[in-house]
Amino acid sequence: MSWSDGILGTHMLAAALETTVDFATWGGAQAQPSQTAASGRPALDDLEGDDRQALIAPGGVRRIVFSEQRGPMALPVNVRMFDGDIVFRTAPLPTLTSSFGQGQGSFEVDHLDEALTEGWSVLVSGEGHVIVDPAERQQVETLGISPWAGGDRDVYVRIVAREVTDRRIRHR
């Protein structure tokens, strides 16, 4: 098969999937969703408590939201669950630690499938605190939270949920 045959085949695949070449080859983060997937009637539902927990529990890279002088700030962090709470490790950022020190912060996790135009989102807002108690710190250290970013990231923060909102959009 020649190079031009491969290009033609890629274009044919993208046309058959009703998408772009970039999306069909995993190269286009901004690709348009398939018209076929979007043709059903979408339903917007609330998640159940167990569903929420199952979506949050695996941990991984998620986002925390806190107030900074310039306004709301969202940062990706590695998280784990501990006794039903969200725990993450971070650098000693004064605005983050003071925001959570005042009990104000949120955690957000979502999954979007652009090809199917479906997804879900969970937002946890609650009381946050920097973990300073040696016994509590020793417990959360066993979670094995490994930040992807380098540098000094030895501040542990725990968010205790005050309010949880969620939604799931899917086609029936």
C-alpha atoms as a PDB file:
ATOM      1  CA  MET A   1       0.000   0.000   0.000  1.00  0.00           C
ATOM      2  CA  SER A   2       1.363   3.383  -0.977  1.00  0.00           C
ATOM      3  CA  TRP A   3       1.391   6.522   1.141  1.00  0.00           C
ATOM      4  CA  SER A   4      -1.448   8.036  -0.941  1.00  0.00           C
ATOM      5  CA  ASP A   5      -3.550   4.867  -0.469  1.00  0.00           C
ATOM      6  CA  GLY A   6      -3.113   5.252   3.300  1.00  0.00           C
ATOM      7  CA  ILE A   7      -4.218   8.883   3.181  1.00  0.00           C
ATOM      8  CA  LEU A   8      -7.248   7.991   1.057  1.00  0.00           C
ATOM      9  CA  GLY A   9      -8.118   5.162   3.460  1.00  0.00           C
ATOM     10  CA  THR A  10      -7.948   7.531   6.428  1.00  0.00           C
ATOM     11  CA  HIS A  11     -10.250   9.991   4.704  1.00  0.00           C
ATOM     12  CA  MET A  12     -12.691   7.185   3.870  1.00  0.00           C
ATOM     13  CA  LEU A  13     -12.649   6.002   7.501  1.00  0.00           C
ATOM     14  CA  ALA A  14     -13.342   9.512   8.761  1.00  0.00           C
ATOM     15  CA  ALA A  15     -16.221   9.903   6.278  1.00  0.00           C
ATOM     16  CA  ALA A  16     -17.717   6.540   7.305  1.00  0.00           C
ATOM     17  CA  LEU A  17     -17.559   7.583  10.963  1.00  0.00           C
ATOM     18  CA  GLU A  18     -18.973  11.008  10.112  1.00  0.00           C
ATOM     19  CA  THR A  19     -16.058  12.754  11.776  1.00  0.00           C
ATOM     20  CA  THR A  20     -12.804  14.493  10.855  1.00  0.00           C
ATOM     21  CA  VAL A  21      -9.503  12.874   9.882  1.00  0.00           C
ATOM     22  CA  ASP A  22      -7.878  14.363  12.995  1.00  0.00           C
ATOM     23  CA  PHE A  23     -10.516  12.808  15.254  1.00  0.00           C
ATOM     24  CA  ALA A  24     -10.379   9.432  13.484  1.00  0.00           C
ATOM     25  CA  THR A  25      -6.605   9.329  13.956  1.00  0.00           C
ATOM     26  CA  TRP A  26      -6.700  10.655  17.559  1.00  0.00           C
ATOM     27  CA  GLY A  27      -5.022  13.852  16.442  1.00  0.00           C
ATOM     28  CA  GLY A  28      -7.848  16.325  16.851  1.00  0.00           C
ATOM     29  CA  ALA A  29      -8.776  17.350  20.351  1.00  0.00           C
ATOM     30  CA  GLN A  30     -11.271  19.819  18.867  1.00  0.00           C
ATOM     31  CA  ALA A  31     -12.952  17.343  16.488  1.00  0.00           C
ATOM     32  CA  GLN A  32     -16.688  17.613  16.003  1.00  0.00           C
ATOM     33  CA  PRO A  33     -18.913  14.878  17.438  1.00  0.00           C
ATOM     34  CA  SER A  34     -20.543  12.410  15.117  1.00  0.00           C
ATOM     35  CA  GLN A  35     -23.933  13.448  13.746  1.00  0.00           C
ATOM     36  CA  THR A  36     -25.119   9.866  14.196  1.00  0.00           C
ATOM     37  CA  ALA A  37     -24.331   9.881  17.923  1.00  0.00           C
ATOM     38  CA  ALA A  38     -26.095  13.183  18.454  1.00  0.00           C
ATOM     39  CA  SER A  39     -29.257  12.138  16.639  1.00  0.00           C
ATOM     40  CA  GLY A  40     -30.884  10.476  19.692  1.00  0.00           C
ATOM     41  CA  ARG A  41     -32.743  12.421  22.354  1.00  0.00           C
ATOM     42  CA  PRO A  42     -30.345  13.233  25.166  1.00  0.00           C
ATOM     43  CA  ALA A  43     -31.340  12.755  28.785  1.00  0.00           C
ATOM     44  CA  LEU A  44     -29.875  14.753  31.649  1.00  0.00           C
ATOM     45  CA  ASP A  45     -30.000  12.754  34.882  1.00  0.00           C
ATOM     46  CA  ASP A  46     -28.728  13.082  38.426  1.00  0.00           C
ATOM     47  CA  LEU A  47     -26.358  10.387  39.630  1.00  0.00           C
ATOM     48  CA  GLU A  48     -27.048   8.215  42.653  1.00  0.00           C
ATOM     49  CA  GLY A  49     -24.758   8.331  45.716  1.00  0.00           C
ATOM     50  CA  ASP A  50     -23.121   4.979  44.929  1.00  0.00           C
ATOM     51  CA  ASP A  51     -22.565   6.056  41.305  1.00  0.00           C
ATOM     52  CA  ARG A  52     -20.854   9.229  42.475  1.00  0.00           C
ATOM     53  CA  GLN A  53     -18.586   7.292  44.797  1.00  0.00           C
ATOM     54  CA  ALA A  54     -17.669   4.812  42.049  1.00  0.00           C
ATOM     55  CA  LEU A  55     -16.735   7.653  39.690  1.00  0.00           C
ATOM     56  CA  ILE A  56     -14.565   9.435  42.267  1.00  0.00           C
ATOM     57  CA  ALA A  57     -12.999   6.407  44.003  1.00  0.00           C
ATOM     58  CA  PRO A  58     -10.433   5.398  41.352  1.00  0.00           C
ATOM     59  CA  GLY A  59      -8.548   8.631  41.993  1.00  0.00           C
ATOM     60  CA  GLY A  60      -6.235   9.901  39.306  1.00  0.00           C
ATOM     61  CA  VAL A  61      -5.790  13.418  37.990  1.00  0.00           C
ATOM     62  CA  ARG A  62      -8.769  15.618  38.822  1.00  0.00           C
ATOM     63  CA  ARG A  63      -9.348  19.329  39.465  1.00  0.00           C
ATOM     64  CA  ILE A  64      -9.611  21.366  42.620  1.00  0.00           C
ATOM     65  CA  VAL A  65     -11.105  24.837  42.625  1.00  0.00           C
ATOM     66  CA  PHE A  66     -10.269  27.557  45.129  1.00  0.00           C
ATOM     67  CA  SER A  67     -10.339  31.332  45.419  1.00  0.00           C
ATOM     68  CA  GLU A  68      -7.333  33.408  44.562  1.00  0.00           C
ATOM     69  CA  GLN A  69      -6.924  37.185  44.500  1.00  0.00           C
ATOM     70  CA  ARG A  70      -7.680  37.249  40.770  1.00  0.00           C
ATOM     71  CA  GLY A  71     -10.744  35.034  41.203  1.00  0.00           C
ATOM     72  CA  PRO A  72     -11.569  31.316  41.050  1.00  0.00           C
ATOM     73  CA  MET A  73      -8.629  29.061  40.183  1.00  0.00           C
ATOM     74  CA  ALA A  74      -8.758  25.446  38.987  1.00  0.00           C
ATOM     75  CA  LEU A  75      -5.706  23.193  39.224  1.00  0.00           C
ATOM     76  CA  PRO A  76      -5.208  19.581  38.197  1.00  0.00           C
ATOM     77  CA  VAL A  77      -4.119  17.407  41.127  1.00  0.00           C
ATOM     78  CA  ASN A  78      -3.661  13.715  41.846  1.00  0.00           C
ATOM     79  CA  VAL A  79      -6.316  12.575  44.313  1.00  0.00           C
ATOM     80  CA  ARG A  80      -7.408   9.593  46.344  1.00  0.00           C
ATOM     81  CA  MET A  81     -10.396   8.911  48.559  1.00  0.00           C
ATOM     82  CA  PHE A  82      -9.906   8.543  52.312  1.00  0.00           C
ATOM     83  CA  ASP A  83     -12.871   7.680  54.545  1.00  0.00           C
ATOM     84  CA  GLY A  84     -15.195   9.194  51.931  1.00  0.00           C
ATOM     85  CA  ASP A  85     -13.182  12.426  51.683  1.00  0.00           C
ATOM     86  CA  ILE A  86     -10.996  13.789  48.884  1.00  0.00           C
ATOM     87  CA  VAL A  87      -7.248  13.983  49.611  1.00  0.00           C
ATOM     88  CA  PHE A  88      -4.557  15.446  47.378  1.00  0.00           C
ATOM     89  CA  ARG A  89      -0.894  16.456  47.569  1.00  0.00           C
ATOM     90  CA  THR A  90       0.344  19.803  46.409  1.00  0.00           C
ATOM     91  CA  ALA A  91       3.104  22.338  46.668  1.00  0.00           C
ATOM     92  CA  PRO A  92       2.895  24.822  49.548  1.00  0.00           C
ATOM     93  CA  LEU A  93       0.898  27.444  47.623  1.00  0.00           C
ATOM     94  CA  PRO A  94      -0.143  30.225  50.039  1.00  0.00           C
ATOM     95  CA  THR A  95      -3.386  31.099  48.208  1.00  0.00           C
ATOM     96  CA  LEU A  96      -4.489  27.470  48.031  1.00  0.00           C
ATOM     97  CA  THR A  97      -3.687  26.658  51.635  1.00  0.00           C
ATOM     98  CA  SER A  98      -5.313  29.860  52.912  1.00  0.00           C
ATOM     99  CA  SER A  99      -8.422  29.249  50.799  1.00  0.00           C
ATOM    100  CA  PHE A 100      -8.783  25.712  52.104  1.00  0.00           C
ATOM    101  CA  GLY A 101      -7.790  26.923  55.551  1.00  0.00           C
ATOM    102  CA  GLN A 102     -10.952  29.036  55.474  1.00  0.00           C
ATOM    103  CA  GLY A 103     -12.953  25.932  54.577  1.00  0.00           C
ATOM    104  CA  GLN A 104     -13.681  26.980  51.012  1.00  0.00           C
ATOM    105  CA  GLY A 105     -12.900  24.712  48.124  1.00  0.00           C
ATOM    106  CA  SER A 106     -14.261  22.342  45.544  1.00  0.00           C
ATOM    107  CA  PHE A 107     -13.247  19.195  43.730  1.00  0.00           C
ATOM    108  CA  GLU A 108     -14.422  18.327  40.228  1.00  0.00           C
ATOM    109  CA  VAL A 109     -14.219  15.151  38.181  1.00  0.00           C
ATOM    110  CA  ASP A 110     -15.795  14.487  34.818  1.00  0.00           C
ATOM    111  CA  HIS A 111     -15.667  12.345  31.727  1.00  0.00           C
ATOM    112  CA  LEU A 112     -16.724  13.520  28.287  1.00  0.00           C
ATOM    113  CA  ASP A 113     -17.145  11.398  25.171  1.00  0.00           C
ATOM    114  CA  GLU A 114     -17.264  13.854  22.281  1.00  0.00           C
ATOM    115  CA  ALA A 115     -17.914  11.126  19.711  1.00  0.00           C
ATOM    116  CA  LEU A 116     -21.063   9.983  21.544  1.00  0.00           C
ATOM    117  CA  THR A 117     -21.917  13.456  22.933  1.00  0.00           C
ATOM    118  CA  GLU A 118     -22.297  11.887  26.356  1.00  0.00           C
ATOM    119  CA  GLY A 119     -20.626  12.438  29.687  1.00  0.00           C
ATOM    120  CA  TRP A 120     -20.883  12.989  33.416  1.00  0.00           C
ATOM    121  CA  SER A 121     -19.637  15.408  36.027  1.00  0.00           C
ATOM    122  CA  VAL A 122     -19.407  15.420  39.834  1.00  0.00           C
ATOM    123  CA  LEU A 123     -18.674  18.591  41.830  1.00  0.00           C
ATOM    124  CA  VAL A 124     -17.861  18.309  45.535  1.00  0.00           C
ATOM    125  CA  SER A 125     -17.816  21.538  47.541  1.00  0.00           C
ATOM    126  CA  GLY A 126     -16.832  21.456  51.130  1.00  0.00           C
ATOM    127  CA  GLU A 127     -14.662  22.101  54.072  1.00  0.00           C
ATOM    128  CA  GLY A 128     -11.009  21.753  53.249  1.00  0.00           C
ATOM    129  CA  HIS A 129      -8.033  21.722  55.510  1.00  0.00           C
ATOM    130  CA  VAL A 130      -4.307  21.246  55.239  1.00  0.00           C
ATOM    131  CA  ILE A 131      -3.414  18.085  57.122  1.00  0.00           C
ATOM    132  CA  VAL A 132      -1.076  18.985  59.972  1.00  0.00           C
ATOM    133  CA  ASP A 133      -1.998  16.350  62.564  1.00  0.00           C
ATOM    134  CA  PRO A 134       0.856  13.768  62.516  1.00  0.00           C
ATOM    135  CA  ALA A 135      -1.466  10.759  62.932  1.00  0.00           C
ATOM    136  CA  GLU A 136      -3.808  11.903  60.151  1.00  0.00           C
ATOM    137  CA  ARG A 137      -0.853  12.687  57.899  1.00  0.00           C
ATOM    138  CA  GLN A 138       0.618   9.246  58.502  1.00  0.00           C
ATOM    139  CA  GLN A 139      -2.714   7.681  57.464  1.00  0.00           C
ATOM    140  CA  VAL A 140      -3.026   9.640  54.211  1.00  0.00           C
ATOM    141  CA  GLU A 141       0.610   9.013  53.306  1.00  0.00           C
ATOM    142  CA  THR A 142      -0.317   5.325  52.966  1.00  0.00           C
ATOM    143  CA  LEU A 143      -2.664   6.241  50.071  1.00  0.00           C
ATOM    144  CA  GLY A 144       0.333   6.494  47.757  1.00  0.00           C
ATOM    145  CA  ILE A 145      -0.632   9.775  46.103  1.00  0.00           C
ATOM    146  CA  SER A 146       2.128  10.479  43.576  1.00  0.00           C
ATOM    147  CA  PRO A 147       1.920  13.934  42.002  1.00  0.00           C
ATOM    148  CA  TRP A 148       2.896  14.036  38.337  1.00  0.00           C
ATOM    149  CA  ALA A 149       4.475  17.452  38.692  1.00  0.00           C
ATOM    150  CA  GLY A 150       7.977  17.618  40.093  1.00  0.00           C
ATOM    151  CA  GLY A 151       9.230  19.723  42.936  1.00  0.00           C
ATOM    152  CA  ASP A 152       8.311  19.906  46.589  1.00  0.00           C
ATOM    153  CA  ARG A 153       4.736  18.582  46.918  1.00  0.00           C
ATOM    154  CA  ASP A 154       4.475  17.502  50.531  1.00  0.00           C
ATOM    155  CA  VAL A 155       1.338  19.412  51.540  1.00  0.00           C
ATOM    156  CA  TYR A 156      -1.696  17.152  51.974  1.00  0.00           C
ATOM    157  CA  VAL A 157      -5.167  18.675  51.754  1.00  0.00           C
ATOM    158  CA  ARG A 158      -8.412  16.953  52.733  1.00  0.00           C
ATOM    159  CA  ILE A 159     -11.839  18.049  51.475  1.00  0.00           C
ATOM    160  CA  VAL A 160     -14.876  16.941  53.472  1.00  0.00           C
ATOM    161  CA  ALA A 161     -17.994  17.199  51.318  1.00  0.00           C
ATOM    162  CA  ARG A 162     -20.597  19.764  52.297  1.00  0.00           C
ATOM    163  CA  GLU A 163     -22.499  19.707  49.011  1.00  0.00           C
ATOM    164  CA  VAL A 164     -22.327  17.358  46.033  1.00  0.00           C
ATOM    165  CA  THR A 165     -23.854  18.120  42.652  1.00  0.00           C
ATOM    166  CA  ASP A 166     -23.694  15.897  39.634  1.00  0.00           C
ATOM    167  CA  ARG A 167     -25.184  15.172  36.273  1.00  0.00           C
ATOM    168  CA  ARG A 168     -24.990  12.663  33.502  1.00  0.00           C
ATOM    169  CA  ILE A 169     -26.007  13.261  29.921  1.00  0.00           C
ATOM    170  CA  ARG A 170     -26.609  10.292  27.657  1.00  0.00           C
ATOM    171  CA  HIS A 171     -28.719   9.159  24.779  1.00  0.00           C
ATOM    172  CA  ARG A 172     -31.522   6.719  25.420  1.00  0.00           C
END
